[in-house]
């Protein structure tokens, strides 16, 4: 990500498709990084909860069958 202190609060246009913030960072780049992090966290949480759910389901089926 391009950082330029001279381009602080730059308007959308040359080099900054959505403009720049106070630190001269490209806003589009920040949006892409934030979206990437959100997708990674969402997929990780989904996989972990699926593993935990399937482990609990397997344990409960084993215990339920052993009681009969």
PDB file of N, CA and C in Angstrom:
ATOM      1  N   UNK A   1       0.849  -1.173   0.000  1.00  0.00           N
ATOM      2  CA  UNK A   1       0.000   0.000   0.000  1.00  0.00           C
ATOM      3  C   UNK A   1       0.897   1.239   0.000  1.00  0.00           C
ATOM      4  N   UNK A   2       0.535   2.158  -0.870  1.00  0.00           N
ATOM      5  CA  UNK A   2       1.326   3.380  -1.033  1.00  0.00           C
ATOM      6  C   UNK A   2       0.985   4.386   0.064  1.00  0.00           C
ATOM      7  N   UNK A   3       2.024   4.897   0.724  1.00  0.00           N
ATOM      8  CA  UNK A   3       1.838   5.926   1.752  1.00  0.00           C
ATOM      9  C   UNK A   3       2.637   7.154   1.334  1.00  0.00           C
ATOM     10  N   UNK A   4       1.964   8.290   1.320  1.00  0.00           N
ATOM     11  CA  UNK A   4       2.628   9.534   0.942  1.00  0.00           C
ATOM     12  C   UNK A   4       2.093  10.654   1.824  1.00  0.00           C
ATOM     13  N   UNK A   5       2.929  11.146   2.720  1.00  0.00           N
ATOM     14  CA  UNK A   5       2.504  12.212   3.629  1.00  0.00           C
ATOM     15  C   UNK A   5       2.207  13.520   2.894  1.00  0.00           C
ATOM     16  N   UNK A   6       2.777  13.683   1.710  1.00  0.00           N
ATOM     17  CA  UNK A   6       2.523  14.902   0.937  1.00  0.00           C
ATOM     18  C   UNK A   6       1.134  14.889   0.293  1.00  0.00           C
ATOM     19  N   UNK A   7       0.531  13.704   0.205  1.00  0.00           N
ATOM     20  CA  UNK A   7      -0.784  13.576  -0.432  1.00  0.00           C
ATOM     21  C   UNK A   7      -1.903  13.439   0.587  1.00  0.00           C
ATOM     22  N   UNK A   8      -1.732  13.980   1.773  1.00  0.00           N
ATOM     23  CA  UNK A   8      -2.776  13.818   2.777  1.00  0.00           C
ATOM     24  C   UNK A   8      -4.051  14.505   2.325  1.00  0.00           C
ATOM     25  N   UNK A   9      -5.169  13.810   2.530  1.00  0.00           N
ATOM     26  CA  UNK A   9      -6.497  14.252   2.091  1.00  0.00           C
ATOM     27  C   UNK A   9      -6.550  14.511   0.588  1.00  0.00           C
ATOM     28  N   UNK A  10      -5.812  13.723  -0.168  1.00  0.00           N
ATOM     29  CA  UNK A  10      -5.826  13.879  -1.630  1.00  0.00           C
ATOM     30  C   UNK A  10      -7.200  13.516  -2.172  1.00  0.00           C
ATOM     31  N   UNK A  11      -7.617  14.230  -3.165  1.00  0.00           N
ATOM     32  CA  UNK A  11      -8.915  13.964  -3.797  1.00  0.00           C
ATOM     33  C   UNK A  11      -8.801  12.729  -4.690  1.00  0.00           C
ATOM     34  N   UNK A  12      -9.927  12.086  -4.955  1.00  0.00           N
ATOM     35  CA  UNK A  12      -9.893  10.949  -5.884  1.00  0.00           C
ATOM     36  C   UNK A  12      -9.357  11.391  -7.241  1.00  0.00           C
ATOM     37  N   UNK A  13      -8.542  10.543  -7.796  1.00  0.00           N
ATOM     38  CA  UNK A  13      -7.971  10.892  -9.098  1.00  0.00           C
ATOM     39  C   UNK A  13      -6.652  10.186  -9.303  1.00  0.00           C
ATOM     40  N   UNK A  14      -5.625  10.955  -9.624  1.00  0.00           N
ATOM     41  CA  UNK A  14      -4.316  10.387  -9.928  1.00  0.00           C
ATOM     42  C   UNK A  14      -3.747   9.579  -8.769  1.00  0.00           C
ATOM     43  N   UNK A  15      -3.582   8.287  -8.972  1.00  0.00           N
ATOM     44  CA  UNK A  15      -2.948   7.443  -7.974  1.00  0.00           C
ATOM     45  C   UNK A  15      -3.834   7.030  -6.812  1.00  0.00           C
ATOM     46  N   UNK A  16      -4.885   7.749  -6.544  1.00  0.00           N
ATOM     47  CA  UNK A  16      -5.787   7.434  -5.442  1.00  0.00           C
ATOM     48  C   UNK A  16      -7.218   7.378  -5.987  1.00  0.00           C
ATOM     49  N   UNK A  17      -7.694   6.173  -6.253  1.00  0.00           N
ATOM     50  CA  UNK A  17      -9.012   6.019  -6.887  1.00  0.00           C
ATOM     51  C   UNK A  17     -10.153   6.508  -5.993  1.00  0.00           C
ATOM     52  N   UNK A  18     -10.006   6.354  -4.676  1.00  0.00           N
ATOM     53  CA  UNK A  18     -11.021   6.833  -3.738  1.00  0.00           C
ATOM     54  C   UNK A  18     -10.489   7.948  -2.844  1.00  0.00           C
ATOM     55  N   UNK A  19      -9.330   8.454  -3.170  1.00  0.00           N
ATOM     56  CA  UNK A  19      -8.738   9.515  -2.375  1.00  0.00           C
ATOM     57  C   UNK A  19      -7.769   8.958  -1.341  1.00  0.00           C
ATOM     58  N   UNK A  20      -7.306   9.855  -0.463  1.00  0.00           N
ATOM     59  CA  UNK A  20      -6.352   9.484   0.572  1.00  0.00           C
ATOM     60  C   UNK A  20      -6.835  10.022   1.912  1.00  0.00           C
ATOM     61  N   UNK A  21      -6.359   9.400   2.989  1.00  0.00           N
ATOM     62  CA  UNK A  21      -6.746   9.836   4.330  1.00  0.00           C
ATOM     63  C   UNK A  21      -5.687  10.767   4.909  1.00  0.00           C
ATOM     64  N   UNK A  22      -5.776  11.023   6.214  1.00  0.00           N
ATOM     65  CA  UNK A  22      -4.867  11.950   6.888  1.00  0.00           C
ATOM     66  C   UNK A  22      -3.405  11.531   6.751  1.00  0.00           C
ATOM     67  N   UNK A  23      -3.140  10.225   6.774  1.00  0.00           N
ATOM     68  CA  UNK A  23      -1.758   9.745   6.674  1.00  0.00           C
ATOM     69  C   UNK A  23      -1.265   9.584   5.255  1.00  0.00           C
ATOM     70  N   UNK A  24      -2.086   9.929   4.265  1.00  0.00           N
ATOM     71  CA  UNK A  24      -1.678   9.777   2.881  1.00  0.00           C
ATOM     72  C   UNK A  24      -1.833   8.361   2.365  1.00  0.00           C
ATOM     73  N   UNK A  25      -2.621   7.539   3.065  1.00  0.00           N
ATOM     74  CA  UNK A  25      -2.827   6.163   2.649  1.00  0.00           C
ATOM     75  C   UNK A  25      -4.020   6.078   1.693  1.00  0.00           C
ATOM     76  N   UNK A  26      -3.906   5.231   0.713  1.00  0.00           N
ATOM     77  CA  UNK A  26      -4.959   5.036  -0.280  1.00  0.00           C
ATOM     78  C   UNK A  26      -6.177   4.388   0.380  1.00  0.00           C
ATOM     79  N   UNK A  27      -7.343   4.999   0.244  1.00  0.00           N
ATOM     80  CA  UNK A  27      -8.558   4.483   0.875  1.00  0.00           C
ATOM     81  C   UNK A  27      -8.995   3.181   0.222  1.00  0.00           C
ATOM     82  N   UNK A  28      -8.841   3.055  -1.097  1.00  0.00           N
ATOM     83  CA  UNK A  28      -9.197   1.810  -1.775  1.00  0.00           C
ATOM     84  C   UNK A  28      -8.357   0.649  -1.251  1.00  0.00           C
ATOM     85  N   UNK A  29      -7.086   0.886  -1.037  1.00  0.00           N
ATOM     86  CA  UNK A  29      -6.218  -0.157  -0.479  1.00  0.00           C
ATOM     87  C   UNK A  29      -6.657  -0.587   0.903  1.00  0.00           C
ATOM     88  N   UNK A  30      -7.076   0.368   1.714  1.00  0.00           N
ATOM     89  CA  UNK A  30      -7.556   0.041   3.051  1.00  0.00           C
ATOM     90  C   UNK A  30      -8.842  -0.768   2.988  1.00  0.00           C
ATOM     91  N   UNK A  31      -9.734  -0.428   2.043  1.00  0.00           N
ATOM     92  CA  UNK A  31     -10.974  -1.187   1.878  1.00  0.00           C
ATOM     93  C   UNK A  31     -10.694  -2.623   1.456  1.00  0.00           C
ATOM     94  N   UNK A  32      -9.739  -2.808   0.563  1.00  0.00           N
ATOM     95  CA  UNK A  32      -9.386  -4.156   0.100  1.00  0.00           C
ATOM     96  C   UNK A  32      -8.787  -4.970   1.236  1.00  0.00           C
ATOM     97  N   UNK A  33      -7.905  -4.378   2.018  1.00  0.00           N
ATOM     98  CA  UNK A  33      -7.295  -5.086   3.147  1.00  0.00           C
ATOM     99  C   UNK A  33      -8.353  -5.440   4.192  1.00  0.00           C
ATOM    100  N   UNK A  34      -9.267  -4.519   4.478  1.00  0.00           N
ATOM    101  CA  UNK A  34     -10.327  -4.788   5.443  1.00  0.00           C
ATOM    102  C   UNK A  34     -11.252  -5.895   4.974  1.00  0.00           C
ATOM    103  N   UNK A  35     -11.598  -5.901   3.685  1.00  0.00           N
ATOM    104  CA  UNK A  35     -12.455  -6.952   3.138  1.00  0.00           C
ATOM    105  C   UNK A  35     -11.756  -8.304   3.197  1.00  0.00           C
ATOM    106  N   UNK A  36     -10.487  -8.326   2.873  1.00  0.00           N
ATOM    107  CA  UNK A  36      -9.722  -9.576   2.925  1.00  0.00           C
ATOM    108  C   UNK A  36      -9.694 -10.137   4.349  1.00  0.00           C
ATOM    109  N   UNK A  37      -9.439  -9.274   5.320  1.00  0.00           N
ATOM    110  CA  UNK A  37      -9.404  -9.721   6.709  1.00  0.00           C
ATOM    111  C   UNK A  37     -10.766 -10.240   7.158  1.00  0.00           C
ATOM    112  N   UNK A  38     -11.829  -9.569   6.763  1.00  0.00           N
ATOM    113  CA  UNK A  38     -13.177 -10.005   7.148  1.00  0.00           C
ATOM    114  C   UNK A  38     -13.508 -11.363   6.558  1.00  0.00           C
ATOM    115  N   UNK A  39     -13.139 -11.582   5.311  1.00  0.00           N
ATOM    116  CA  UNK A  39     -13.409 -12.875   4.670  1.00  0.00           C
ATOM    117  C   UNK A  39     -12.604 -13.985   5.344  1.00  0.00           C
ATOM    118  N   UNK A  40     -11.340 -13.724   5.647  1.00  0.00           N
ATOM    119  CA  UNK A  40     -10.503 -14.734   6.306  1.00  0.00           C
ATOM    120  C   UNK A  40     -11.075 -15.082   7.675  1.00  0.00           C
ATOM    121  N   UNK A  41     -11.476 -14.083   8.444  1.00  0.00           N
ATOM    122  CA  UNK A  41     -12.041 -14.332   9.774  1.00  0.00           C
ATOM    123  C   UNK A  41     -13.345 -15.109   9.650  1.00  0.00           C
ATOM    124  N   UNK A  42     -14.204 -14.728   8.712  1.00  0.00           N
ATOM    125  CA  UNK A  42     -15.475 -15.418   8.529  1.00  0.00           C
ATOM    126  C   UNK A  42     -15.299 -16.879   8.158  1.00  0.00           C
ATOM    127  N   UNK A  43     -14.401 -17.167   7.235  1.00  0.00           N
ATOM    128  CA  UNK A  43     -14.154 -18.549   6.820  1.00  0.00           C
ATOM    129  C   UNK A  43     -13.548 -19.351   7.967  1.00  0.00           C
ATOM    130  N   UNK A  44     -12.615 -18.759   8.695  1.00  0.00           N
ATOM    131  CA  UNK A  44     -11.977 -19.451   9.818  1.00  0.00           C
ATOM    132  C   UNK A  44     -12.990 -19.799  10.902  1.00  0.00           C
ATOM    133  N   UNK A  45     -13.850 -18.863  11.254  1.00  0.00           N
ATOM    134  CA  UNK A  45     -14.857 -19.113  12.280  1.00  0.00           C
ATOM    135  C   UNK A  45     -15.831 -20.188  11.815  1.00  0.00           C
ATOM    136  N   UNK A  46     -16.220 -20.157  10.549  1.00  0.00           N
ATOM    137  CA  UNK A  46     -17.135 -21.166  10.017  1.00  0.00           C
ATOM    138  C   UNK A  46     -16.520 -22.555  10.076  1.00  0.00           C
ATOM    139  N   UNK A  47     -15.272 -22.681   9.686  1.00  0.00           N
ATOM    140  CA  UNK A  47     -14.598 -23.985   9.715  1.00  0.00           C
ATOM    141  C   UNK A  47     -14.451 -24.479  11.154  1.00  0.00           C
ATOM    142  N   UNK A  48     -14.032 -23.600  12.067  1.00  0.00           N
ATOM    143  CA  UNK A  48     -13.857 -24.014  13.462  1.00  0.00           C
ATOM    144  C   UNK A  48     -15.178 -24.450  14.099  1.00  0.00           C
ATOM    145  N   UNK A  49     -16.243 -23.708  13.854  1.00  0.00           N
ATOM    146  CA  UNK A  49     -17.525 -24.092  14.443  1.00  0.00           C
ATOM    147  C   UNK A  49     -18.043 -25.393  13.837  1.00  0.00           C
ATOM    148  N   UNK A  50     -17.751 -25.629  12.563  1.00  0.00           N
ATOM    149  CA  UNK A  50     -18.154 -26.892  11.939  1.00  0.00           C
ATOM    150  C   UNK A  50     -17.408 -28.062  12.558  1.00  0.00           C
ATOM    151  N   UNK A  51     -16.121 -27.884  12.807  1.00  0.00           N
ATOM    152  CA  UNK A  51     -15.331 -28.955  13.433  1.00  0.00           C
ATOM    153  C   UNK A  51     -15.828 -29.229  14.851  1.00  0.00           C
ATOM    154  N   UNK A  52     -16.075 -28.189  15.620  1.00  0.00           N
ATOM    155  CA  UNK A  52     -16.562 -28.362  16.993  1.00  0.00           C
ATOM    156  C   UNK A  52     -17.935 -29.022  16.992  1.00  0.00           C
ATOM    157  N   UNK A  53     -18.831 -28.561  16.102  1.00  0.00           N
ATOM    158  CA  UNK A  53     -20.177 -29.131  16.027  1.00  0.00           C
ATOM    159  C   UNK A  53     -20.125 -30.601  15.657  1.00  0.00           C
ATOM    160  N   UNK A  54     -19.317 -30.958  14.667  1.00  0.00           N
ATOM    161  CA  UNK A  54     -19.230 -32.357  14.252  1.00  0.00           C
ATOM    162  C   UNK A  54     -18.593 -33.227  15.334  1.00  0.00           C
ATOM    163  N   UNK A  55     -17.640 -32.686  16.086  1.00  0.00           N
ATOM    164  CA  UNK A  55     -17.040 -33.443  17.195  1.00  0.00           C
ATOM    165  C   UNK A  55     -18.073 -33.703  18.285  1.00  0.00           C
ATOM    166  N   UNK A  56     -18.844 -32.690  18.627  1.00  0.00           N
ATOM    167  CA  UNK A  56     -19.891 -32.862  19.644  1.00  0.00           C
ATOM    168  C   UNK A  56     -20.951 -33.837  19.162  1.00  0.00           C
ATOM    169  N   UNK A  57     -21.318 -33.748  17.908  1.00  0.00           N
ATOM    170  CA  UNK A  57     -22.319 -34.653  17.353  1.00  0.00           C
ATOM    171  C   UNK A  57     -21.836 -36.092  17.394  1.00  0.00           C
ATOM    172  N   UNK A  58     -20.565 -36.308  17.041  1.00  0.00           N
ATOM    173  CA  UNK A  58     -20.007 -37.660  17.059  1.00  0.00           C
ATOM    174  C   UNK A  58     -19.960 -38.211  18.481  1.00  0.00           C
ATOM    175  N   UNK A  59     -19.534 -37.396  19.429  1.00  0.00           N
ATOM    176  CA  UNK A  59     -19.477 -37.839  20.827  1.00  0.00           C
ATOM    177  C   UNK A  59     -20.861 -38.160  21.357  1.00  0.00           C
ATOM    178  N   UNK A  60     -21.854 -37.352  21.045  1.00  0.00           N
ATOM    179  CA  UNK A  60     -23.197 -37.609  21.547  1.00  0.00           C
ATOM    180  C   UNK A  60     -23.785 -38.865  20.920  1.00  0.00           C
ATOM    181  N   UNK A  61     -23.498 -39.126  19.669  1.00  0.00           N
ATOM    182  CA  UNK A  61     -23.989 -40.357  19.039  1.00  0.00           C
ATOM    183  C   UNK A  61     -23.336 -41.590  19.655  1.00  0.00           C
ATOM    184  N   UNK A  62     -22.048 -41.494  19.949  1.00  0.00           N
ATOM    185  CA  UNK A  62     -21.362 -42.630  20.581  1.00  0.00           C
ATOM    186  C   UNK A  62     -21.923 -42.875  21.961  1.00  0.00           C
ATOM    187  N   UNK A  63     -22.113 -41.830  22.766  1.00  0.00           N
ATOM    188  CA  UNK A  63     -22.651 -42.002  24.114  1.00  0.00           C
ATOM    189  C   UNK A  63     -24.094 -42.484  24.090  1.00  0.00           C
ATOM    190  N   UNK A  64     -24.899 -41.996  23.155  1.00  0.00           N
ATOM    191  CA  UNK A  64     -26.300 -42.391  23.083  1.00  0.00           C
ATOM    192  C   UNK A  64     -26.421 -43.848  22.705  1.00  0.00           C
ATOM    193  N   UNK A  65     -25.574 -44.357  21.806  1.00  0.00           N
ATOM    194  CA  UNK A  65     -25.605 -45.757  21.401  1.00  0.00           C
ATOM    195  C   UNK A  65     -25.119 -46.683  22.512  1.00  0.00           C
ATOM    196  N   UNK A  66     -24.167 -46.211  23.319  1.00  0.00           N
ATOM    197  CA  UNK A  66     -23.639 -47.068  24.381  1.00  0.00           C
ATOM    198  C   UNK A  66     -24.626 -47.258  25.515  1.00  0.00           C
ATOM    199  N   UNK A  67     -25.582 -46.321  25.710  1.00  0.00           N
ATOM    200  CA  UNK A  67     -26.572 -46.441  26.757  1.00  0.00           C
ATOM    201  C   UNK A  67     -27.628 -47.474  26.432  1.00  0.00           C
ATOM    202  N   UNK A  68     -27.879 -47.738  25.204  1.00  0.00           N
ATOM    203  CA  UNK A  68     -28.938 -48.671  24.805  1.00  0.00           C
ATOM    204  C   UNK A  68     -28.465 -50.034  24.848  1.00  0.00           C
TER     205      UNK A  68
END
